[in-house]
Amino acid sequence: MRPDGPRDPVAGSDDGPSAPYPIRLSGPVIKGFGRGSKELGIPTANIPAEGLDEYPDLSVGVYYGVVALDPARFAYEDDAPILPAVLSIGYNPFYKNKTKSIEIHIMPPLSAPSPTATADGPVTFHKLPDFYGTPLRLLILGYIRPEFDYVSLDALVEDIRVDCEVARRSLQRPAYASYLAAGRADEEDVRGQTSWLTGFES
C-alpha cells in the first residue's frame, strides 16, 4: 500500500539527469489494457515492453521524461515536437497485471496550464486524439516513486494526478527543460539526445 504522508514536490537532482538516465525507449503505440481512458480517465500511450530488455536493472515504478511522435503520422496541434510525459513501468499492483507494461501519459507543453494542478473538483487529464500505430520515442529522465497498491480507485487516480505535477515541476527545472527545446539545447549531449528523439525517418 502507498505509505502515508506528503509527496516530494520534485524528483531527481536539480543538476539534471544522472546515470542511468537518460534512458531511450521507442516503438509503435499499441493498445493497452483498455483501462486508462475508460476506467481511470487517464489516456496513456503504450509501447512494447521488449525495449526494457536492454535495461534489466531498471526498477518498476513511475518515471518522468519527454516524448516525440513521428510527425509523418501525428502532428501536435501546437507544433511542439517534444512533449513532457509521466509514465509507469511495471505490473500495476492495483490491477494485478501479469505482464510488464510501459504506459505513458503525455502531458501538455509546460507553457500551457496544467489540467492536474488542483484536486479541487473533478480531475481532468490531458487527452490527445488516438494515434495507435504511430512511432513514439521516449527519453526517461528520472524516477518518481515505486509502484503501490491502493485502497480505492480514487486513491490511485489522486496519486497519478500528483505524479503529473511532480513530473511537470521536475521538468521545469533548467537542466531538464532543455530536453524539451528541440534544436535549441545548449549542451552537446542534450542536443544529441533530442536529435535522436525527433530523428524519425521520413
N, C-alpha and C. Protein backbone atom coordinates (compact mmCIF):
# COMPACT_ATOMS: atom_id res chain seq x y z
N MET A 1 0.83 -1.20 0.00
CA MET A 1 0.00 0.00 0.00
C MET A 1 0.87 1.26 0.00
N ARG A 2 0.30 2.33 -0.52
CA ARG A 2 1.03 3.59 -0.54
C ARG A 2 1.24 4.07 0.89
N PRO A 3 2.47 4.48 1.23
CA PRO A 3 2.70 5.00 2.58
C PRO A 3 2.00 6.33 2.78
N ASP A 4 1.63 6.62 4.03
CA ASP A 4 1.00 7.89 4.35
C ASP A 4 2.05 9.00 4.33
N GLY A 5 1.57 10.23 4.23
CA GLY A 5 2.48 11.36 4.28
C GLY A 5 2.52 12.12 2.98
N PRO A 6 3.04 13.35 3.02
CA PRO A 6 3.09 14.19 1.82
C PRO A 6 4.12 13.68 0.82
N ARG A 7 3.91 14.03 -0.43
CA ARG A 7 4.81 13.65 -1.50
C ARG A 7 5.88 14.73 -1.70
N ASP A 8 7.06 14.33 -2.15
CA ASP A 8 8.08 15.30 -2.52
C ASP A 8 7.62 16.07 -3.76
N PRO A 9 7.88 17.38 -3.82
CA PRO A 9 7.37 18.18 -4.95
C PRO A 9 8.11 17.93 -6.26
N VAL A 10 9.37 17.50 -6.20
CA VAL A 10 10.14 17.21 -7.40
C VAL A 10 10.89 15.90 -7.20
N ALA A 11 11.43 15.37 -8.29
CA ALA A 11 12.20 14.13 -8.23
C ALA A 11 13.49 14.30 -9.02
N GLY A 12 14.57 13.77 -8.50
CA GLY A 12 15.84 13.85 -9.19
C GLY A 12 16.62 15.10 -8.82
N SER A 13 17.90 15.09 -9.18
CA SER A 13 18.79 16.20 -8.86
C SER A 13 18.47 17.44 -9.69
N ASP A 14 18.63 18.61 -9.08
CA ASP A 14 18.46 19.86 -9.83
C ASP A 14 19.51 20.02 -10.92
N ASP A 15 20.61 19.28 -10.82
CA ASP A 15 21.69 19.39 -11.80
C ASP A 15 21.40 18.68 -13.11
N GLY A 16 20.31 17.92 -13.15
CA GLY A 16 19.96 17.22 -14.38
C GLY A 16 20.05 15.72 -14.23
N PRO A 17 19.69 14.99 -15.28
CA PRO A 17 19.70 13.53 -15.20
C PRO A 17 21.09 12.98 -14.92
N SER A 18 21.15 11.94 -14.10
CA SER A 18 22.41 11.25 -13.83
C SER A 18 22.19 9.77 -14.10
N ALA A 19 23.28 9.04 -14.32
CA ALA A 19 23.21 7.63 -14.72
C ALA A 19 22.22 6.86 -13.84
N PRO A 20 21.37 6.05 -14.46
CA PRO A 20 21.41 5.57 -15.85
C PRO A 20 20.64 6.44 -16.84
N TYR A 21 20.18 7.61 -16.43
CA TYR A 21 19.38 8.45 -17.31
C TYR A 21 20.27 9.40 -18.11
N PRO A 22 19.78 9.80 -19.30
CA PRO A 22 18.53 9.45 -19.96
C PRO A 22 18.52 8.01 -20.47
N ILE A 23 17.36 7.41 -20.45
CA ILE A 23 17.14 6.08 -20.99
C ILE A 23 16.25 6.21 -22.22
N ARG A 24 16.68 5.58 -23.31
CA ARG A 24 15.93 5.64 -24.56
C ARG A 24 15.04 4.41 -24.73
N LEU A 25 13.77 4.65 -25.02
CA LEU A 25 12.84 3.58 -25.39
C LEU A 25 12.04 4.06 -26.59
N SER A 26 11.63 3.14 -27.42
CA SER A 26 10.86 3.53 -28.60
C SER A 26 10.02 2.36 -29.07
N GLY A 27 9.06 2.68 -29.92
CA GLY A 27 8.21 1.65 -30.50
C GLY A 27 6.90 2.25 -30.97
N PRO A 28 6.12 1.47 -31.69
CA PRO A 28 4.81 1.95 -32.12
C PRO A 28 3.84 1.97 -30.94
N VAL A 29 2.92 2.91 -30.96
CA VAL A 29 1.89 2.96 -29.92
C VAL A 29 0.93 1.80 -30.14
N ILE A 30 0.75 1.00 -29.09
CA ILE A 30 -0.08 -0.20 -29.18
C ILE A 30 -1.25 -0.09 -28.20
N LYS A 31 -2.24 -0.94 -28.39
CA LYS A 31 -3.36 -0.97 -27.46
C LYS A 31 -2.91 -1.58 -26.13
N GLY A 32 -3.36 -0.97 -25.04
CA GLY A 32 -3.01 -1.47 -23.72
C GLY A 32 -4.13 -2.31 -23.15
N PHE A 33 -4.36 -2.14 -21.85
CA PHE A 33 -5.39 -2.92 -21.17
C PHE A 33 -6.78 -2.32 -21.32
N GLY A 34 -6.87 -1.13 -21.90
CA GLY A 34 -8.17 -0.51 -22.11
C GLY A 34 -8.75 0.15 -20.88
N ARG A 35 -7.92 0.39 -19.86
CA ARG A 35 -8.43 0.98 -18.62
C ARG A 35 -8.11 2.45 -18.49
N GLY A 36 -7.01 2.90 -19.15
CA GLY A 36 -6.52 4.25 -18.94
C GLY A 36 -7.58 5.31 -19.14
N SER A 37 -8.13 5.36 -20.35
CA SER A 37 -9.14 6.37 -20.65
C SER A 37 -10.51 5.99 -20.11
N LYS A 38 -10.88 4.72 -20.26
CA LYS A 38 -12.25 4.32 -19.96
C LYS A 38 -12.55 4.30 -18.46
N GLU A 39 -11.67 3.69 -17.69
CA GLU A 39 -11.95 3.50 -16.27
C GLU A 39 -11.33 4.58 -15.40
N LEU A 40 -10.12 5.01 -15.77
CA LEU A 40 -9.40 5.98 -14.94
C LEU A 40 -9.54 7.41 -15.45
N GLY A 41 -9.89 7.57 -16.72
CA GLY A 41 -9.92 8.90 -17.31
C GLY A 41 -8.54 9.46 -17.56
N ILE A 42 -7.55 8.57 -17.69
CA ILE A 42 -6.16 8.98 -17.86
C ILE A 42 -5.63 8.34 -19.15
N PRO A 43 -5.66 9.05 -20.27
CA PRO A 43 -5.20 8.45 -21.52
C PRO A 43 -3.71 8.09 -21.45
N THR A 44 -3.37 6.91 -21.95
CA THR A 44 -1.97 6.50 -21.99
C THR A 44 -1.62 5.99 -23.38
N ALA A 45 -0.36 6.16 -23.72
CA ALA A 45 0.20 5.59 -24.94
C ALA A 45 1.12 4.46 -24.51
N ASN A 46 0.77 3.25 -24.88
CA ASN A 46 1.58 2.09 -24.53
C ASN A 46 2.53 1.76 -25.68
N ILE A 47 3.75 1.38 -25.35
CA ILE A 47 4.68 0.88 -26.35
C ILE A 47 5.16 -0.50 -25.91
N PRO A 48 5.64 -1.32 -26.85
CA PRO A 48 6.06 -2.68 -26.47
C PRO A 48 7.13 -2.67 -25.39
N ALA A 49 7.01 -3.61 -24.46
CA ALA A 49 7.93 -3.66 -23.32
C ALA A 49 9.25 -4.34 -23.65
N GLU A 50 9.41 -4.86 -24.87
CA GLU A 50 10.64 -5.57 -25.20
C GLU A 50 11.88 -4.68 -25.09
N GLY A 51 11.70 -3.37 -25.29
CA GLY A 51 12.84 -2.47 -25.18
C GLY A 51 13.47 -2.46 -23.80
N LEU A 52 12.72 -2.89 -22.79
CA LEU A 52 13.25 -2.93 -21.43
C LEU A 52 14.32 -4.01 -21.26
N ASP A 53 14.42 -4.93 -22.23
CA ASP A 53 15.44 -5.98 -22.13
C ASP A 53 16.85 -5.39 -22.07
N GLU A 54 17.02 -4.19 -22.64
CA GLU A 54 18.34 -3.54 -22.61
C GLU A 54 18.66 -2.95 -21.24
N TYR A 55 17.65 -2.88 -20.37
CA TYR A 55 17.83 -2.26 -19.05
C TYR A 55 17.33 -3.22 -17.97
N PRO A 56 18.01 -4.35 -17.79
CA PRO A 56 17.50 -5.37 -16.86
C PRO A 56 17.45 -4.91 -15.40
N ASP A 57 18.21 -3.87 -15.06
CA ASP A 57 18.24 -3.41 -13.67
C ASP A 57 17.26 -2.26 -13.40
N LEU A 58 16.49 -1.88 -14.41
CA LEU A 58 15.56 -0.77 -14.24
C LEU A 58 14.39 -1.20 -13.36
N SER A 59 14.16 -0.46 -12.29
CA SER A 59 13.10 -0.81 -11.34
C SER A 59 11.72 -0.53 -11.92
N VAL A 60 10.74 -1.31 -11.47
CA VAL A 60 9.37 -0.95 -11.80
C VAL A 60 9.01 0.29 -10.99
N GLY A 61 8.10 1.09 -11.53
CA GLY A 61 7.71 2.30 -10.83
C GLY A 61 7.25 3.37 -11.79
N VAL A 62 7.22 4.60 -11.28
CA VAL A 62 6.74 5.76 -12.03
C VAL A 62 7.93 6.66 -12.35
N TYR A 63 7.99 7.13 -13.58
CA TYR A 63 9.10 7.92 -14.09
C TYR A 63 8.57 9.17 -14.79
N TYR A 64 9.49 10.10 -15.08
CA TYR A 64 9.14 11.25 -15.91
C TYR A 64 10.16 11.39 -17.02
N GLY A 65 9.73 12.05 -18.09
CA GLY A 65 10.63 12.21 -19.23
C GLY A 65 9.98 13.03 -20.31
N VAL A 66 10.46 12.84 -21.53
CA VAL A 66 9.94 13.58 -22.68
C VAL A 66 9.71 12.60 -23.83
N VAL A 67 8.75 12.93 -24.69
CA VAL A 67 8.41 12.04 -25.80
C VAL A 67 8.29 12.84 -27.09
N ALA A 68 8.43 12.13 -28.19
CA ALA A 68 8.14 12.68 -29.51
C ALA A 68 7.39 11.63 -30.31
N LEU A 69 6.47 12.10 -31.13
CA LEU A 69 5.70 11.24 -32.02
C LEU A 69 6.11 11.53 -33.46
N ASP A 70 6.12 10.51 -34.28
CA ASP A 70 6.50 10.67 -35.68
C ASP A 70 5.58 11.68 -36.35
N PRO A 71 6.10 12.84 -36.78
CA PRO A 71 5.23 13.87 -37.36
C PRO A 71 4.58 13.45 -38.67
N ALA A 72 5.13 12.41 -39.31
CA ALA A 72 4.50 11.92 -40.53
C ALA A 72 3.18 11.22 -40.24
N ARG A 73 3.00 10.81 -38.97
CA ARG A 73 1.79 10.09 -38.57
C ARG A 73 0.90 10.89 -37.62
N PHE A 74 1.52 11.82 -36.87
CA PHE A 74 0.75 12.59 -35.89
C PHE A 74 1.41 13.94 -35.70
N ALA A 75 0.65 15.01 -35.87
CA ALA A 75 1.15 16.37 -35.67
C ALA A 75 0.42 16.99 -34.50
N TYR A 76 1.18 17.38 -33.47
CA TYR A 76 0.57 18.01 -32.31
C TYR A 76 0.04 19.38 -32.69
N GLU A 77 -1.09 19.76 -32.12
CA GLU A 77 -1.79 20.97 -32.55
C GLU A 77 -0.97 22.24 -32.37
N ASP A 78 -0.09 22.28 -31.37
CA ASP A 78 0.72 23.47 -31.13
C ASP A 78 2.10 23.36 -31.77
N ASP A 79 2.27 22.38 -32.64
CA ASP A 79 3.53 22.19 -33.36
C ASP A 79 4.71 22.03 -32.40
N ALA A 80 4.47 21.37 -31.28
CA ALA A 80 5.54 21.11 -30.31
C ALA A 80 6.11 19.73 -30.60
N PRO A 81 7.36 19.63 -31.08
CA PRO A 81 7.89 18.32 -31.45
C PRO A 81 8.19 17.41 -30.27
N ILE A 82 8.44 18.00 -29.09
CA ILE A 82 8.76 17.21 -27.90
C ILE A 82 7.80 17.63 -26.78
N LEU A 83 7.24 16.64 -26.10
CA LEU A 83 6.26 16.91 -25.06
C LEU A 83 6.66 16.23 -23.75
N PRO A 84 6.27 16.82 -22.61
CA PRO A 84 6.56 16.20 -21.31
C PRO A 84 5.68 14.98 -21.09
N ALA A 85 6.18 14.07 -20.28
CA ALA A 85 5.43 12.83 -20.04
C ALA A 85 5.72 12.30 -18.64
N VAL A 86 4.74 11.57 -18.13
CA VAL A 86 4.90 10.78 -16.92
C VAL A 86 4.51 9.36 -17.31
N LEU A 87 5.19 8.36 -16.77
CA LEU A 87 4.94 7.00 -17.23
C LEU A 87 5.12 6.00 -16.10
N SER A 88 4.47 4.87 -16.27
CA SER A 88 4.67 3.76 -15.35
C SER A 88 5.27 2.59 -16.10
N ILE A 89 6.18 1.92 -15.44
CA ILE A 89 6.78 0.69 -15.95
C ILE A 89 6.55 -0.38 -14.88
N GLY A 90 5.85 -1.43 -15.24
CA GLY A 90 5.62 -2.47 -14.24
C GLY A 90 4.34 -3.23 -14.44
N TYR A 91 3.73 -3.60 -13.31
CA TYR A 91 2.62 -4.54 -13.31
C TYR A 91 1.33 -3.97 -12.73
N ASN A 92 1.37 -2.73 -12.25
CA ASN A 92 0.20 -2.08 -11.66
C ASN A 92 -0.45 -2.97 -10.60
N PRO A 93 0.08 -2.96 -9.37
CA PRO A 93 -0.44 -3.85 -8.32
C PRO A 93 -1.93 -3.72 -8.06
N PHE A 94 -2.50 -2.53 -8.31
CA PHE A 94 -3.94 -2.35 -8.07
C PHE A 94 -4.75 -3.29 -8.96
N TYR A 95 -4.27 -3.49 -10.20
CA TYR A 95 -4.97 -4.37 -11.15
C TYR A 95 -4.33 -5.76 -11.24
N LYS A 96 -3.20 -5.94 -10.57
CA LYS A 96 -2.54 -7.25 -10.52
C LYS A 96 -2.25 -7.79 -11.92
N ASN A 97 -1.66 -6.94 -12.76
CA ASN A 97 -1.28 -7.38 -14.10
C ASN A 97 -0.24 -8.49 -14.03
N LYS A 98 -0.28 -9.38 -14.99
CA LYS A 98 0.67 -10.49 -15.04
C LYS A 98 1.85 -10.19 -15.97
N THR A 99 1.71 -9.22 -16.84
CA THR A 99 2.77 -8.87 -17.78
C THR A 99 3.23 -7.43 -17.55
N LYS A 100 4.51 -7.20 -17.73
CA LYS A 100 5.07 -5.85 -17.55
C LYS A 100 4.64 -4.97 -18.72
N SER A 101 4.34 -3.73 -18.43
CA SER A 101 3.92 -2.80 -19.47
C SER A 101 4.61 -1.46 -19.30
N ILE A 102 4.63 -0.70 -20.40
CA ILE A 102 5.10 0.69 -20.39
C ILE A 102 3.90 1.55 -20.77
N GLU A 103 3.40 2.33 -19.82
CA GLU A 103 2.21 3.14 -20.04
C GLU A 103 2.60 4.61 -19.87
N ILE A 104 2.47 5.37 -20.94
CA ILE A 104 2.95 6.75 -20.98
C ILE A 104 1.76 7.71 -21.05
N HIS A 105 1.72 8.64 -20.12
CA HIS A 105 0.72 9.71 -20.19
C HIS A 105 1.42 10.97 -20.70
N ILE A 106 1.02 11.42 -21.88
CA ILE A 106 1.63 12.60 -22.50
C ILE A 106 0.91 13.84 -21.97
N MET A 107 1.69 14.75 -21.42
CA MET A 107 1.14 15.96 -20.82
C MET A 107 1.21 17.13 -21.81
N PRO A 108 0.46 18.20 -21.55
CA PRO A 108 0.55 19.37 -22.43
C PRO A 108 1.89 20.07 -22.25
N PRO A 109 2.27 20.95 -23.19
CA PRO A 109 3.53 21.69 -23.03
C PRO A 109 3.58 22.40 -21.68
N LEU A 110 4.77 22.55 -21.15
CA LEU A 110 4.91 23.17 -19.82
C LEU A 110 4.45 24.62 -19.82
N SER A 111 4.38 25.24 -20.99
CA SER A 111 3.90 26.62 -21.07
C SER A 111 2.38 26.71 -20.96
N ALA A 112 1.69 25.59 -21.10
CA ALA A 112 0.23 25.56 -21.02
C ALA A 112 -0.21 25.34 -19.58
N PRO A 113 -1.43 25.76 -19.24
CA PRO A 113 -1.94 25.49 -17.90
C PRO A 113 -1.99 23.98 -17.64
N SER A 114 -1.74 23.60 -16.40
CA SER A 114 -1.77 22.19 -16.05
C SER A 114 -3.19 21.77 -15.69
N PRO A 115 -3.73 20.75 -16.37
CA PRO A 115 -5.08 20.30 -16.03
C PRO A 115 -5.14 19.53 -14.72
N THR A 116 -3.98 19.16 -14.17
CA THR A 116 -3.95 18.37 -12.93
C THR A 116 -3.41 19.17 -11.75
N ALA A 117 -3.43 20.50 -11.86
CA ALA A 117 -2.79 21.34 -10.84
C ALA A 117 -3.49 21.30 -9.49
N THR A 118 -4.78 21.02 -9.47
CA THR A 118 -5.51 21.04 -8.21
C THR A 118 -6.41 19.83 -8.10
N ALA A 119 -6.61 19.38 -6.87
CA ALA A 119 -7.52 18.26 -6.62
C ALA A 119 -8.93 18.74 -6.32
N ASP A 120 -9.13 20.07 -6.31
CA ASP A 120 -10.46 20.62 -6.03
C ASP A 120 -11.36 20.41 -7.25
N GLY A 121 -12.47 19.75 -7.06
CA GLY A 121 -13.38 19.50 -8.16
C GLY A 121 -12.93 18.30 -8.99
N PRO A 122 -13.64 18.02 -10.08
CA PRO A 122 -13.30 16.87 -10.92
C PRO A 122 -11.89 17.01 -11.52
N VAL A 123 -11.12 15.95 -11.46
CA VAL A 123 -9.77 15.95 -12.01
C VAL A 123 -9.83 15.57 -13.48
N THR A 124 -9.16 16.35 -14.32
CA THR A 124 -9.09 16.02 -15.74
C THR A 124 -7.63 15.81 -16.12
N PHE A 125 -7.42 14.97 -17.11
CA PHE A 125 -6.08 14.68 -17.60
C PHE A 125 -6.01 15.01 -19.08
N HIS A 126 -4.82 15.41 -19.51
CA HIS A 126 -4.62 15.81 -20.90
C HIS A 126 -4.94 14.65 -21.84
N LYS A 127 -5.65 14.95 -22.92
CA LYS A 127 -6.03 13.91 -23.87
C LYS A 127 -5.69 14.35 -25.29
N LEU A 128 -5.06 13.45 -26.03
CA LEU A 128 -4.78 13.65 -27.44
C LEU A 128 -5.67 12.73 -28.26
N PRO A 129 -5.90 13.05 -29.54
CA PRO A 129 -6.62 12.09 -30.39
C PRO A 129 -5.88 10.76 -30.46
N ASP A 130 -6.60 9.69 -30.75
CA ASP A 130 -5.97 8.38 -30.84
C ASP A 130 -4.86 8.38 -31.90
N PHE A 131 -3.76 7.72 -31.58
CA PHE A 131 -2.65 7.64 -32.54
C PHE A 131 -2.01 6.26 -32.49
N TYR A 132 -2.84 5.22 -32.43
CA TYR A 132 -2.33 3.86 -32.45
C TYR A 132 -1.50 3.62 -33.71
N GLY A 133 -0.39 2.93 -33.53
CA GLY A 133 0.49 2.62 -34.65
C GLY A 133 1.54 3.68 -34.93
N THR A 134 1.41 4.85 -34.32
CA THR A 134 2.37 5.93 -34.55
C THR A 134 3.69 5.62 -33.84
N PRO A 135 4.82 5.71 -34.54
CA PRO A 135 6.11 5.54 -33.86
C PRO A 135 6.31 6.61 -32.78
N LEU A 136 6.75 6.18 -31.62
CA LEU A 136 6.97 7.06 -30.47
C LEU A 136 8.37 6.84 -29.95
N ARG A 137 9.03 7.92 -29.56
CA ARG A 137 10.33 7.83 -28.91
C ARG A 137 10.25 8.51 -27.55
N LEU A 138 10.90 7.89 -26.58
CA LEU A 138 10.81 8.32 -25.19
C LEU A 138 12.20 8.43 -24.59
N LEU A 139 12.44 9.53 -23.90
CA LEU A 139 13.63 9.68 -23.07
C LEU A 139 13.17 9.72 -21.62
N ILE A 140 13.56 8.72 -20.84
CA ILE A 140 13.27 8.74 -19.41
C ILE A 140 14.37 9.55 -18.73
N LEU A 141 13.97 10.57 -17.98
CA LEU A 141 14.94 11.48 -17.36
C LEU A 141 15.05 11.32 -15.85
N GLY A 142 14.09 10.63 -15.23
CA GLY A 142 14.17 10.47 -13.79
C GLY A 142 13.09 9.57 -13.23
N TYR A 143 13.30 9.17 -12.00
CA TYR A 143 12.43 8.24 -11.29
C TYR A 143 11.64 9.01 -10.23
N ILE A 144 10.34 8.73 -10.15
CA ILE A 144 9.49 9.42 -9.18
C ILE A 144 9.23 8.56 -7.94
N ARG A 145 8.75 7.33 -8.15
CA ARG A 145 8.36 6.52 -6.99
C ARG A 145 8.18 5.06 -7.41
N PRO A 146 8.12 4.15 -6.44
CA PRO A 146 7.81 2.75 -6.77
C PRO A 146 6.32 2.57 -7.05
N GLU A 147 5.97 1.39 -7.52
CA GLU A 147 4.56 1.04 -7.68
C GLU A 147 3.93 0.76 -6.31
N PHE A 148 2.65 1.11 -6.17
CA PHE A 148 1.92 0.82 -4.94
C PHE A 148 0.58 0.18 -5.28
N ASP A 149 0.03 -0.53 -4.32
CA ASP A 149 -1.37 -0.92 -4.38
C ASP A 149 -2.17 0.18 -3.67
N TYR A 150 -3.48 0.21 -3.89
CA TYR A 150 -4.31 1.28 -3.34
C TYR A 150 -5.60 0.71 -2.76
N VAL A 151 -6.15 1.46 -1.82
CA VAL A 151 -7.38 1.01 -1.17
C VAL A 151 -8.60 1.29 -2.04
N SER A 152 -8.46 2.18 -3.04
CA SER A 152 -9.60 2.52 -3.89
C SER A 152 -9.11 3.07 -5.22
N LEU A 153 -10.01 3.08 -6.19
CA LEU A 153 -9.70 3.66 -7.50
C LEU A 153 -9.43 5.15 -7.36
N ASP A 154 -10.19 5.84 -6.52
CA ASP A 154 -9.99 7.27 -6.32
C ASP A 154 -8.59 7.57 -5.78
N ALA A 155 -8.11 6.73 -4.88
CA ALA A 155 -6.77 6.93 -4.31
C ALA A 155 -5.71 6.75 -5.39
N LEU A 156 -5.91 5.78 -6.28
CA LEU A 156 -4.98 5.57 -7.38
C LEU A 156 -4.95 6.79 -8.30
N VAL A 157 -6.13 7.28 -8.68
CA VAL A 157 -6.21 8.43 -9.58
C VAL A 157 -5.57 9.66 -8.95
N GLU A 158 -5.78 9.86 -7.66
CA GLU A 158 -5.19 11.02 -7.00
C GLU A 158 -3.67 10.94 -6.99
N ASP A 159 -3.12 9.75 -6.77
CA ASP A 159 -1.67 9.63 -6.78
C ASP A 159 -1.11 9.87 -8.18
N ILE A 160 -1.83 9.44 -9.21
CA ILE A 160 -1.39 9.71 -10.58
C ILE A 160 -1.46 11.20 -10.87
N ARG A 161 -2.49 11.86 -10.36
CA ARG A 161 -2.56 13.32 -10.52
C ARG A 161 -1.33 13.99 -9.92
N VAL A 162 -0.95 13.56 -8.72
CA VAL A 162 0.24 14.12 -8.09
C VAL A 162 1.49 13.76 -8.89
N ASP A 163 1.55 12.54 -9.44
CA ASP A 163 2.67 12.17 -10.30
C ASP A 163 2.84 13.16 -11.44
N CYS A 164 1.73 13.55 -12.06
CA CYS A 164 1.78 14.51 -13.17
C CYS A 164 2.39 15.83 -12.72
N GLU A 165 1.99 16.29 -11.54
CA GLU A 165 2.50 17.56 -11.05
C GLU A 165 3.98 17.46 -10.66
N VAL A 166 4.37 16.34 -10.07
CA VAL A 166 5.78 16.13 -9.75
C VAL A 166 6.60 16.12 -11.04
N ALA A 167 6.09 15.44 -12.06
CA ALA A 167 6.80 15.39 -13.34
C ALA A 167 6.92 16.79 -13.95
N ARG A 168 5.84 17.56 -13.93
CA ARG A 168 5.88 18.91 -14.51
C ARG A 168 6.90 19.79 -13.79
N ARG A 169 6.84 19.80 -12.46
CA ARG A 169 7.78 20.63 -11.71
C ARG A 169 9.22 20.17 -11.92
N SER A 170 9.41 18.86 -12.00
CA SER A 170 10.76 18.34 -12.21
C SER A 170 11.30 18.76 -13.57
N LEU A 171 10.45 18.72 -14.59
CA LEU A 171 10.88 19.07 -15.94
C LEU A 171 11.00 20.58 -16.16
N GLN A 172 10.42 21.37 -15.29
CA GLN A 172 10.53 22.83 -15.42
C GLN A 172 11.89 23.35 -15.00
N ARG A 173 12.66 22.55 -14.29
CA ARG A 173 14.00 22.99 -13.89
C ARG A 173 14.89 23.10 -15.13
N PRO A 174 15.76 24.11 -15.17
CA PRO A 174 16.53 24.38 -16.40
C PRO A 174 17.29 23.18 -16.95
N ALA A 175 17.87 22.36 -16.09
CA ALA A 175 18.67 21.23 -16.58
C ALA A 175 17.81 20.17 -17.26
N TYR A 176 16.50 20.19 -17.03
CA TYR A 176 15.60 19.24 -17.66
C TYR A 176 14.80 19.90 -18.79
N ALA A 177 14.46 21.17 -18.62
CA ALA A 177 13.67 21.87 -19.63
C ALA A 177 14.39 21.90 -20.97
N SER A 178 15.73 21.82 -20.95
CA SER A 178 16.48 21.86 -22.20
C SER A 178 16.16 20.66 -23.09
N TYR A 179 15.69 19.56 -22.50
CA TYR A 179 15.34 18.39 -23.31
C TYR A 179 14.04 18.59 -24.08
N LEU A 180 13.30 19.62 -23.73
CA LEU A 180 12.06 19.93 -24.44
C LEU A 180 12.27 20.94 -25.56
N ALA A 181 13.48 21.46 -25.67
CA ALA A 181 13.78 22.51 -26.65
C ALA A 181 14.54 21.91 -27.83
N ALA A 182 13.83 21.23 -28.71
CA ALA A 182 14.47 20.57 -29.85
C ALA A 182 15.22 21.60 -30.70
N GLY A 183 16.49 21.32 -30.94
CA GLY A 183 17.31 22.19 -31.78
C GLY A 183 17.82 23.43 -31.08
N ARG A 184 17.44 23.63 -29.80
CA ARG A 184 17.86 24.85 -29.10
C ARG A 184 18.64 24.54 -27.83
N ALA A 185 18.91 23.27 -27.58
CA ALA A 185 19.64 22.90 -26.37
C ALA A 185 21.08 23.40 -26.46
N ASP A 186 21.61 23.87 -25.33
CA ASP A 186 22.96 24.44 -25.31
C ASP A 186 24.04 23.37 -25.24
N GLU A 187 23.81 22.30 -24.49
CA GLU A 187 24.84 21.30 -24.29
C GLU A 187 24.81 20.24 -25.39
N GLU A 188 26.00 19.82 -25.81
CA GLU A 188 26.10 18.89 -26.93
C GLU A 188 25.41 17.56 -26.64
N ASP A 189 25.57 17.04 -25.41
CA ASP A 189 24.94 15.75 -25.12
C ASP A 189 23.43 15.85 -25.13
N VAL A 190 22.88 16.99 -24.68
CA VAL A 190 21.43 17.17 -24.72
C VAL A 190 20.96 17.28 -26.17
N ARG A 191 21.72 18.00 -26.99
CA ARG A 191 21.36 18.10 -28.42
C ARG A 191 21.36 16.72 -29.06
N GLY A 192 22.32 15.89 -28.69
CA GLY A 192 22.36 14.54 -29.24
C GLY A 192 21.13 13.73 -28.85
N GLN A 193 20.69 13.89 -27.61
CA GLN A 193 19.51 13.16 -27.15
C GLN A 193 18.24 13.66 -27.85
N THR A 194 18.09 14.97 -27.98
CA THR A 194 16.89 15.49 -28.63
C THR A 194 16.90 15.22 -30.13
N SER A 195 18.10 15.15 -30.72
CA SER A 195 18.18 14.78 -32.15
C SER A 195 17.70 13.36 -32.36
N TRP A 196 18.10 12.45 -31.45
CA TRP A 196 17.59 11.08 -31.54
C TRP A 196 16.08 11.07 -31.35
N LEU A 197 15.60 11.86 -30.39
CA LEU A 197 14.18 11.85 -30.04
C LEU A 197 13.32 12.25 -31.23
N THR A 198 13.77 13.20 -32.01
CA THR A 198 12.97 13.72 -33.12
C THR A 198 13.44 13.21 -34.47
N GLY A 199 14.39 12.29 -34.49
CA GLY A 199 15.01 11.86 -35.74
C GLY A 199 14.27 10.75 -36.45
N PHE A 200 12.99 10.92 -36.67
CA PHE A 200 12.21 9.93 -37.40
C PHE A 200 12.54 10.01 -38.89
N GLU A 201 12.62 8.86 -39.52
CA GLU A 201 12.86 8.84 -40.96
C GLU A 201 11.58 9.21 -41.68
N SER A 202 11.73 10.06 -42.68
CA SER A 202 10.55 10.49 -43.45
C SER A 202 10.16 9.43 -44.47
